[in-house]
C-alpha atoms as a PDB file:
ATOM      1  CA  MET A   1      -9.785  45.640 -30.033  1.00  0.00           C
ATOM      2  CA  ARG A   2      -9.010  43.746 -33.398  1.00  0.00           C
ATOM      3  CA  GLN A   3      -9.139  45.736 -36.847  1.00  0.00           C
ATOM      4  CA  VAL A   4      -9.625  44.402 -40.184  1.00  0.00           C
ATOM      5  CA  VAL A   5      -9.634  46.292 -43.567  1.00  0.00           C
ATOM      6  CA  ILE A   6     -12.342  46.075 -46.104  1.00  0.00           C
ATOM      7  CA  ASN A   7     -12.095  47.980 -49.445  1.00  0.00           C
ATOM      8  CA  GLY A   8     -15.280  49.605 -51.081  1.00  0.00           C
ATOM      9  CA  GLU A   9     -16.196  52.255 -53.441  1.00  0.00           C
ATOM     10  CA  LEU A  10     -18.286  55.220 -53.012  1.00  0.00           C
ATOM     11  CA  ARG A  11     -21.486  54.906 -55.355  1.00  0.00           C
ATOM     12  CA  GLN A  12     -23.798  57.414 -56.921  1.00  0.00           C
ATOM     13  CA  GLN A  13     -26.749  55.289 -58.331  1.00  0.00           C
ATOM     14  CA  THR A  14     -29.357  54.196 -55.680  1.00  0.00           C
ATOM     15  CA  GLY A  15     -32.498  52.347 -56.007  1.00  0.00           C
ATOM     16  CA  LYS A  16     -33.671  48.796 -56.529  1.00  0.00           C
ATOM     17  CA  GLY A  17     -32.623  48.641 -60.136  1.00  0.00           C
ATOM     18  CA  ALA A  18     -28.957  49.709 -59.107  1.00  0.00           C
ATOM     19  CA  ALA A  19     -28.797  47.454 -56.226  1.00  0.00           C
ATOM     20  CA  GLY A  20     -29.827  44.669 -58.491  1.00  0.00           C
ATOM     21  CA  ARG A  21     -27.216  45.537 -61.036  1.00  0.00           C
ATOM     22  CA  MET A  22     -24.774  45.809 -58.356  1.00  0.00           C
ATOM     23  CA  ARG A  23     -25.385  42.515 -56.804  1.00  0.00           C
ATOM     24  CA  ALA A  24     -25.283  40.884 -60.141  1.00  0.00           C
ATOM     25  CA  LYS A  25     -21.435  42.186 -60.480  1.00  0.00           C
ATOM     26  CA  GLY A  26     -20.653  40.290 -57.130  1.00  0.00           C
ATOM     27  CA  ARG A  27     -20.961  43.553 -55.023  1.00  0.00           C
ATOM     28  CA  VAL A  28     -23.200  44.463 -51.960  1.00  0.00           C
ATOM     29  CA  PRO A  29     -24.817  47.824 -51.559  1.00  0.00           C
ATOM     30  CA  ALA A  30     -24.018  49.303 -48.135  1.00  0.00           C
ATOM     31  CA  VAL A  31     -24.185  52.540 -46.284  1.00  0.00           C
ATOM     32  CA  VAL A  32     -22.046  54.352 -43.657  1.00  0.00           C
ATOM     33  CA  TYR A  33     -23.618  56.727 -41.112  1.00  0.00           C
ATOM     34  CA  GLY A  34     -22.354  58.326 -37.913  1.00  0.00           C
ATOM     35  CA  LYS A  35     -23.056  60.914 -35.289  1.00  0.00           C
ATOM     36  CA  GLY A  36     -22.589  64.425 -36.944  1.00  0.00           C
ATOM     37  CA  GLU A  37     -22.008  63.324 -40.419  1.00  0.00           C
ATOM     38  CA  GLU A  38     -23.998  62.489 -43.596  1.00  0.00           C
ATOM     39  CA  THR A  39     -24.854  59.109 -44.644  1.00  0.00           C
ATOM     40  CA  THR A  40     -22.307  57.768 -47.287  1.00  0.00           C
ATOM     41  CA  ILE A  41     -23.456  55.281 -50.013  1.00  0.00           C
ATOM     42  CA  ILE A  42     -20.941  52.691 -50.678  1.00  0.00           C
ATOM     43  CA  SER A  43     -20.627  48.989 -52.361  1.00  0.00           C
ATOM     44  CA  ILE A  44     -18.234  46.407 -50.950  1.00  0.00           C
ATOM     45  CA  ASP A  45     -17.110  43.045 -52.595  1.00  0.00           C
ATOM     46  CA  GLU A  46     -19.378  40.183 -51.623  1.00  0.00           C
ATOM     47  CA  ARG A  47     -16.521  37.630 -51.426  1.00  0.00           C
ATOM     48  CA  GLU A  48     -14.124  39.763 -49.399  1.00  0.00           C
ATOM     49  CA  PHE A  49     -17.080  40.830 -47.083  1.00  0.00           C
ATOM     50  CA  GLU A  50     -18.260  37.316 -46.387  1.00  0.00           C
ATOM     51  CA  LYS A  51     -14.634  36.017 -45.705  1.00  0.00           C
ATOM     52  CA  ALA A  52     -14.335  38.854 -43.191  1.00  0.00           C
ATOM     53  CA  MET A  53     -17.729  37.800 -41.558  1.00  0.00           C
ATOM     54  CA  GLN A  54     -16.246  34.160 -41.285  1.00  0.00           C
ATOM     55  CA  ALA A  55     -13.126  35.349 -39.285  1.00  0.00           C
ATOM     56  CA  GLY A  56     -15.479  37.368 -37.113  1.00  0.00           C
ATOM     57  CA  LEU A  57     -16.894  41.018 -37.503  1.00  0.00           C
ATOM     58  CA  GLY A  58     -18.587  41.195 -34.052  1.00  0.00           C
ATOM     59  CA  GLY A  59     -18.741  44.355 -31.852  1.00  0.00           C
ATOM     60  CA  GLY A  60     -15.169  43.687 -30.660  1.00  0.00           C
ATOM     61  CA  THR A  61     -13.905  44.453 -34.232  1.00  0.00           C
ATOM     62  CA  LEU A  62     -12.936  47.770 -35.707  1.00  0.00           C
ATOM     63  CA  ILE A  63     -13.422  48.007 -39.501  1.00  0.00           C
ATOM     64  CA  LYS A  64     -11.553  50.293 -41.432  1.00  0.00           C
ATOM     65  CA  LEU A  65     -13.449  51.216 -44.722  1.00  0.00           C
ATOM     66  CA  VAL A  66     -11.124  52.167 -47.836  1.00  0.00           C
ATOM     67  CA  LEU A  67     -13.209  53.583 -50.091  1.00  0.00           C
ATOM     68  CA  SER A  68     -12.379  54.329 -53.717  1.00  0.00           C
ATOM     69  CA  LYS A  69     -13.358  57.731 -55.287  1.00  0.00           C
ATOM     70  CA  ASP A  70     -14.673  58.204 -58.878  1.00  0.00           C
ATOM     71  CA  SER A  71     -11.617  59.571 -61.247  1.00  0.00           C
ATOM     72  CA  ASP A  72     -13.551  62.991 -61.744  1.00  0.00           C
ATOM     73  CA  THR A  73     -14.123  63.670 -58.148  1.00  0.00           C
ATOM     74  CA  LYS A  74     -11.681  66.326 -56.631  1.00  0.00           C
ATOM     75  CA  GLY A  75      -9.622  65.607 -53.582  1.00  0.00           C
ATOM     76  CA  PRO A  76      -7.867  62.268 -52.606  1.00  0.00           C
ATOM     77  CA  SER A  77      -8.380  59.200 -54.691  1.00  0.00           C
ATOM     78  CA  LYS A  78      -9.517  57.373 -51.350  1.00  0.00           C
ATOM     79  CA  VAL A  79     -11.621  57.836 -48.379  1.00  0.00           C
ATOM     80  CA  GLU A  80     -10.943  56.236 -45.201  1.00  0.00           C
ATOM     81  CA  LYS A  81     -13.628  55.590 -42.241  1.00  0.00           C
ATOM     82  CA  THR A  82     -13.158  54.012 -38.990  1.00  0.00           C
ATOM     83  CA  THR A  83     -16.254  51.761 -38.339  1.00  0.00           C
ATOM     84  CA  ILE A  84     -18.222  48.861 -36.516  1.00  0.00           C
ATOM     85  CA  LEU A  85     -20.725  46.515 -38.240  1.00  0.00           C
ATOM     86  CA  LYS A  86     -24.163  47.588 -37.264  1.00  0.00           C
ATOM     87  CA  GLU A  87     -26.563  45.319 -39.256  1.00  0.00           C
ATOM     88  CA  VAL A  88     -26.306  42.765 -41.908  1.00  0.00           C
ATOM     89  CA  GLN A  89     -29.524  41.962 -44.197  1.00  0.00           C
ATOM     90  CA  SER A  90     -29.578  38.587 -46.081  1.00  0.00           C
ATOM     91  CA  ASP A  91     -31.721  36.912 -48.349  1.00  0.00           C
ATOM     92  CA  VAL A  92     -34.051  34.742 -46.193  1.00  0.00           C
ATOM     93  CA  VAL A  93     -34.242  32.093 -49.036  1.00  0.00           C
ATOM     94  CA  ARG A  94     -30.515  31.944 -50.478  1.00  0.00           C
ATOM     95  CA  GLY A  95     -28.831  33.556 -47.523  1.00  0.00           C
ATOM     96  CA  ASP A  96     -26.856  35.868 -49.692  1.00  0.00           C
ATOM     97  CA  VAL A  97     -25.889  39.162 -48.134  1.00  0.00           C
ATOM     98  CA  ILE A  98     -28.088  41.742 -49.680  1.00  0.00           C
ATOM     99  CA  HIS A  99     -27.301  45.108 -47.509  1.00  0.00           C
ATOM    100  CA  VAL A 100     -24.702  45.986 -44.999  1.00  0.00           C
ATOM    101  CA  ASP A 101     -24.898  48.977 -42.544  1.00  0.00           C
ATOM    102  CA  PHE A 102     -21.607  50.528 -40.891  1.00  0.00           C
ATOM    103  CA  GLN A 103     -21.627  53.141 -38.228  1.00  0.00           C
ATOM    104  CA  ALA A 104     -18.708  55.539 -38.500  1.00  0.00           C
ATOM    105  CA  ILE A 105     -16.921  56.136 -34.939  1.00  0.00           C
ATOM    106  CA  SER A 106     -14.339  58.286 -33.305  1.00  0.00           C
ATOM    107  CA  LEU A 107     -11.593  56.476 -31.465  1.00  0.00           C
ATOM    108  CA  ASN A 108     -11.861  59.339 -28.933  1.00  0.00           C
ATOM    109  CA  GLU A 109     -15.537  58.774 -28.174  1.00  0.00           C
ATOM    110  CA  ALA A 110     -17.013  55.996 -26.119  1.00  0.00           C
ATOM    111  CA  ILE A 111     -19.473  53.591 -27.856  1.00  0.00           C
ATOM    112  CA  THR A 112     -21.977  50.990 -26.884  1.00  0.00           C
ATOM    113  CA  THR A 113     -21.872  47.678 -28.601  1.00  0.00           C
ATOM    114  CA  LYS A 114     -22.035  43.969 -28.001  1.00  0.00           C
ATOM    115  CA  VAL A 115     -19.149  41.456 -27.924  1.00  0.00           C
ATOM    116  CA  PRO A 116     -19.414  37.651 -28.020  1.00  0.00           C
ATOM    117  CA  ILE A 117     -18.928  35.443 -24.642  1.00  0.00           C
ATOM    118  CA  VAL A 118     -16.830  32.519 -25.205  1.00  0.00           C
ATOM    119  CA  LEU A 119     -16.599  29.518 -22.920  1.00  0.00           C
ATOM    120  CA  VAL A 120     -13.138  28.074 -22.262  1.00  0.00           C
ATOM    121  CA  GLY A 121     -11.614  25.403 -20.114  1.00  0.00           C
ATOM    122  CA  GLU A 122     -14.520  22.769 -20.545  1.00  0.00           C
ATOM    123  CA  GLU A 123     -12.251  20.014 -21.580  1.00  0.00           C
ATOM    124  CA  ASN A 124     -10.463  20.527 -18.149  1.00  0.00           C
ATOM    125  CA  ARG A 125     -13.637  20.257 -16.008  1.00  0.00           C
ATOM    126  CA  VAL A 126     -13.996  17.381 -13.411  1.00  0.00           C
ATOM    127  CA  ASN A 127     -16.030  14.502 -15.265  1.00  0.00           C
ATOM    128  CA  ASP A 128     -19.032  14.643 -12.973  1.00  0.00           C
ATOM    129  CA  GLY A 129     -21.635  14.052 -15.363  1.00  0.00           C
ATOM    130  CA  GLY A 130     -23.036  17.792 -15.348  1.00  0.00           C
ATOM    131  CA  ILE A 131     -23.997  19.480 -18.254  1.00  0.00           C
ATOM    132  CA  ILE A 132     -22.910  22.819 -19.197  1.00  0.00           C
ATOM    133  CA  GLN A 133     -25.657  25.223 -20.252  1.00  0.00           C
ATOM    134  CA  HIS A 134     -24.672  28.543 -21.952  1.00  0.00           C
ATOM    135  CA  MET A 135     -27.312  31.045 -21.072  1.00  0.00           C
ATOM    136  CA  VAL A 136     -25.881  34.569 -22.298  1.00  0.00           C
ATOM    137  CA  TRP A 137     -23.774  34.626 -25.694  1.00  0.00           C
ATOM    138  CA  GLU A 138     -23.364  38.251 -25.849  1.00  0.00           C
ATOM    139  CA  LEU A 139     -22.358  41.095 -23.499  1.00  0.00           C
ATOM    140  CA  GLU A 140     -23.262  44.722 -23.806  1.00  0.00           C
ATOM    141  CA  VAL A 141     -20.587  47.024 -22.974  1.00  0.00           C
ATOM    142  CA  HIS A 142     -19.673  50.783 -23.338  1.00  0.00           C
ATOM    143  CA  ALA A 143     -16.057  52.086 -23.564  1.00  0.00           C
ATOM    144  CA  LEU A 144     -13.625  53.784 -26.127  1.00  0.00           C
ATOM    145  CA  PRO A 145     -13.100  51.605 -28.959  1.00  0.00           C
ATOM    146  CA  MET A 146      -9.639  50.515 -28.706  1.00  0.00           C
ATOM    147  CA  ASP A 147     -10.646  49.387 -24.894  1.00  0.00           C
ATOM    148  CA  ILE A 148     -13.442  46.942 -26.079  1.00  0.00           C
ATOM    149  CA  PRO A 149     -12.248  43.350 -26.160  1.00  0.00           C
ATOM    150  CA  GLU A 150     -12.623  41.250 -29.174  1.00  0.00           C
ATOM    151  CA  ARG A 151     -14.363  38.604 -26.801  1.00  0.00           C
ATOM    152  CA  VAL A 152     -14.976  37.989 -23.418  1.00  0.00           C
ATOM    153  CA  GLN A 153     -13.786  34.526 -22.206  1.00  0.00           C
ATOM    154  CA  VAL A 154     -15.547  32.579 -19.209  1.00  0.00           C
ATOM    155  CA  ASN A 155     -13.273  30.011 -17.742  1.00  0.00           C
ATOM    156  CA  VAL A 156     -15.611  26.923 -16.389  1.00  0.00           C
ATOM    157  CA  SER A 157     -12.684  24.528 -15.786  1.00  0.00           C
ATOM    158  CA  LYS A 158     -13.394  24.699 -12.215  1.00  0.00           C
ATOM    159  CA  MET A 159     -17.109  24.639 -12.220  1.00  0.00           C
ATOM    160  CA  GLU A 160     -19.089  21.700 -10.705  1.00  0.00           C
ATOM    161  CA  ILE A 161     -22.757  20.683 -10.566  1.00  0.00           C
ATOM    162  CA  GLY A 162     -24.797  23.500  -9.065  1.00  0.00           C
ATOM    163  CA  ASP A 163     -22.138  26.024 -10.037  1.00  0.00           C
ATOM    164  CA  SER A 164     -23.133  29.299 -12.093  1.00  0.00           C
ATOM    165  CA  ILE A 165     -21.439  32.243 -13.399  1.00  0.00           C
ATOM    166  CA  LYS A 166     -23.190  35.735 -13.642  1.00  0.00           C
ATOM    167  CA  VAL A 167     -22.317  38.811 -15.432  1.00  0.00           C
ATOM    168  CA  SER A 168     -21.423  40.482 -11.835  1.00  0.00           C
ATOM    169  CA  ASP A 169     -18.749  37.720 -11.661  1.00  0.00           C
ATOM    170  CA  LEU A 170     -16.865  38.934 -14.610  1.00  0.00           C
ATOM    171  CA  GLU A 171     -13.850  41.198 -14.316  1.00  0.00           C
ATOM    172  CA  LEU A 172     -12.961  43.028 -17.471  1.00  0.00           C
ATOM    173  CA  THR A 173      -9.614  44.731 -17.820  1.00  0.00           C
ATOM    174  CA  GLY A 174      -9.566  48.630 -18.600  1.00  0.00           C
ATOM    175  CA  ASP A 175     -12.248  51.343 -18.406  1.00  0.00           C
ATOM    176  CA  VAL A 176     -15.289  49.122 -19.728  1.00  0.00           C
ATOM    177  CA  GLN A 177     -18.817  49.510 -18.493  1.00  0.00           C
ATOM    178  CA  ILE A 178     -20.836  46.535 -18.635  1.00  0.00           C
ATOM    179  CA  ASN A 179     -24.555  47.205 -19.386  1.00  0.00           C
ATOM    180  CA  THR A 180     -25.933  43.851 -19.336  1.00  0.00           C
ATOM    181  CA  PRO A 181     -27.756  43.203 -15.971  1.00  0.00           C
ATOM    182  CA  GLU A 182     -25.569  41.994 -13.230  1.00  0.00           C
ATOM    183  CA  ASP A 183     -27.944  39.007 -12.176  1.00  0.00           C
ATOM    184  CA  GLU A 184     -28.202  37.390 -15.500  1.00  0.00           C
ATOM    185  CA  VAL A 185     -26.806  33.668 -15.545  1.00  0.00           C
ATOM    186  CA  ILE A 186     -23.958  33.383 -18.200  1.00  0.00           C
ATOM    187  CA  VAL A 187     -23.367  29.730 -17.825  1.00  0.00           C
ATOM    188  CA  LEU A 188     -24.384  26.744 -15.088  1.00  0.00           C
ATOM    189  CA  VAL A 189     -23.842  23.459 -14.676  1.00  0.00           C
ATOM    190  CA  ALA A 190     -27.091  21.281 -14.190  1.00  0.00           C
ATOM    191  CA  ALA A 191     -27.128  17.622 -12.716  1.00  0.00           C
ATOM    192  CA  PRO A 192     -27.937  14.980 -15.529  1.00  0.00           C
ATOM    193  CA  GLU A 193     -30.692  13.703 -13.934  1.00  0.00           C
ATOM    194  CA  LEU A 194     -32.499  17.122 -13.476  1.00  0.00           C
ATOM    195  CA  HIS A 195     -31.764  17.535 -17.342  1.00  0.00           C
ATOM    196  CA  VAL A 196     -33.618  13.859 -17.973  1.00  0.00           C
ATOM    197  CA  GLU A 197     -36.394  14.937 -15.523  1.00  0.00           C
ATOM    198  CA  GLU A 198     -37.087  18.135 -17.492  1.00  0.00           C
ATOM    199  CA  GLU A 199     -37.397  16.242 -20.778  1.00  0.00           C
ATOM    200  CA  GLU A 200     -39.437  13.338 -19.333  1.00  0.00           C
ATOM    201  CA  GLU A 201     -41.744  16.230 -17.874  1.00  0.00           C
ATOM    202  CA  ALA A 202     -42.201  17.963 -21.296  1.00  0.00           C
ATOM    203  CA  GLU A 203     -42.740  14.487 -22.924  1.00  0.00           C
ATOM    204  CA  ALA A 204     -45.313  13.641 -20.586  1.00  0.00           C
ATOM    205  CA  GLU A 205     -47.038  16.857 -20.668  1.00  0.00           C
ATOM    206  CA  GLY A 206     -47.333  16.681 -24.647  1.00  0.00           C
ATOM    207  CA  ILE A 207     -48.933  13.212 -24.243  1.00  0.00           C
ATOM    208  CA  GLU A 208     -51.485  14.590 -21.571  1.00  0.00           C
ATOM    209  CA  SER A 209     -52.177  17.394 -23.974  1.00  0.00           C
ATOM    210  CA  ALA A 210     -52.973  14.935 -26.713  1.00  0.00           C
ATOM    211  CA  LEU A 211     -55.056  12.652 -24.562  1.00  0.00           C
ATOM    212  CA  GLU A 212     -57.160  15.782 -23.446  1.00  0.00           C
ATOM    213  CA  GLU A 213     -57.599  16.818 -27.128  1.00  0.00           C
ATOM    214  CA  ALA A 214     -58.692  13.325 -27.870  1.00  0.00           C
ATOM    215  CA  ALA A 215     -61.158  13.522 -25.162  1.00  0.00           C
ATOM    216  CA  GLU A 216     -62.610  16.785 -26.009  1.00  0.00           C
ATOM    217  CA  ASP A 217     -62.980  15.650 -29.760  1.00  0.00           C
ATOM    218  CA  HIS A 218     -64.805  12.605 -28.601  1.00  0.00           C
ATOM    219  CA  ASP A 219     -67.213  14.360 -26.262  1.00  0.00           C
ATOM    220  CA  ALA A 220     -67.941  16.984 -29.136  1.00  0.00           C
ATOM    221  CA  THR A 221     -68.818  14.212 -31.675  1.00  0.00           C
ATOM    222  CA  GLY A 222     -70.908  12.041 -29.257  1.00  0.00           C
ATOM    223  CA  GLY A 223     -68.176   9.281 -29.914  1.00  0.00           C
ATOM    224  CA  HIS A 224     -68.759   9.271 -33.599  1.00  0.00           C
ATOM    225  CA  ALA A 225     -65.889   9.487 -36.072  1.00  0.00           C
ATOM    226  CA  THR A 226     -65.833  12.771 -37.945  1.00  0.00           C
ATOM    227  CA  GLU A 227     -65.193  12.773 -42.008  1.00  0.00           C
END
């Protein structure tokens, strides 16, 4: 499991006003919660977090939060928490990150999380005109944090038209329990003509529906145009 470090600050002020002032300074309000401990209110640097997000902070990544404390607070000047990312709230218009939730974890306790599924070997697959259809993009697993893979790679290089790979076909190293249903299809190779036929059927259904609506309008108005 990959680990990244994100610096943050413990914060005292809460509420919309305090959060707004924080965002204006380029910081993002966040919380850290976990089993058997109180929720910790923090802030993180917006640019640092977005850079980490671009590199990947999915369920297969451990996040060490290094949190600075106020100078008048007793004890060490910094607090470290091992976490995983649970939720990111973004502005629906601008796309800016407005709040982040982290879950504190213990390296000695198993957790449930989701890791991305990545297809590899597509460039080496036989050129049969088949169309790769990626159906499941995440895998839910349960394991000790250090046993959780950063990602699950599915090799499609030997797949031919009609072949599929299900969750039950996966073999993960270590003591990792897969919670995603075994019968779910991760990837399949569809015949090109079947793909075209599906598109043509959808287009034909759309035309037929439009003609039926036009006929219904004609009957309802007695053949006269409506204003």
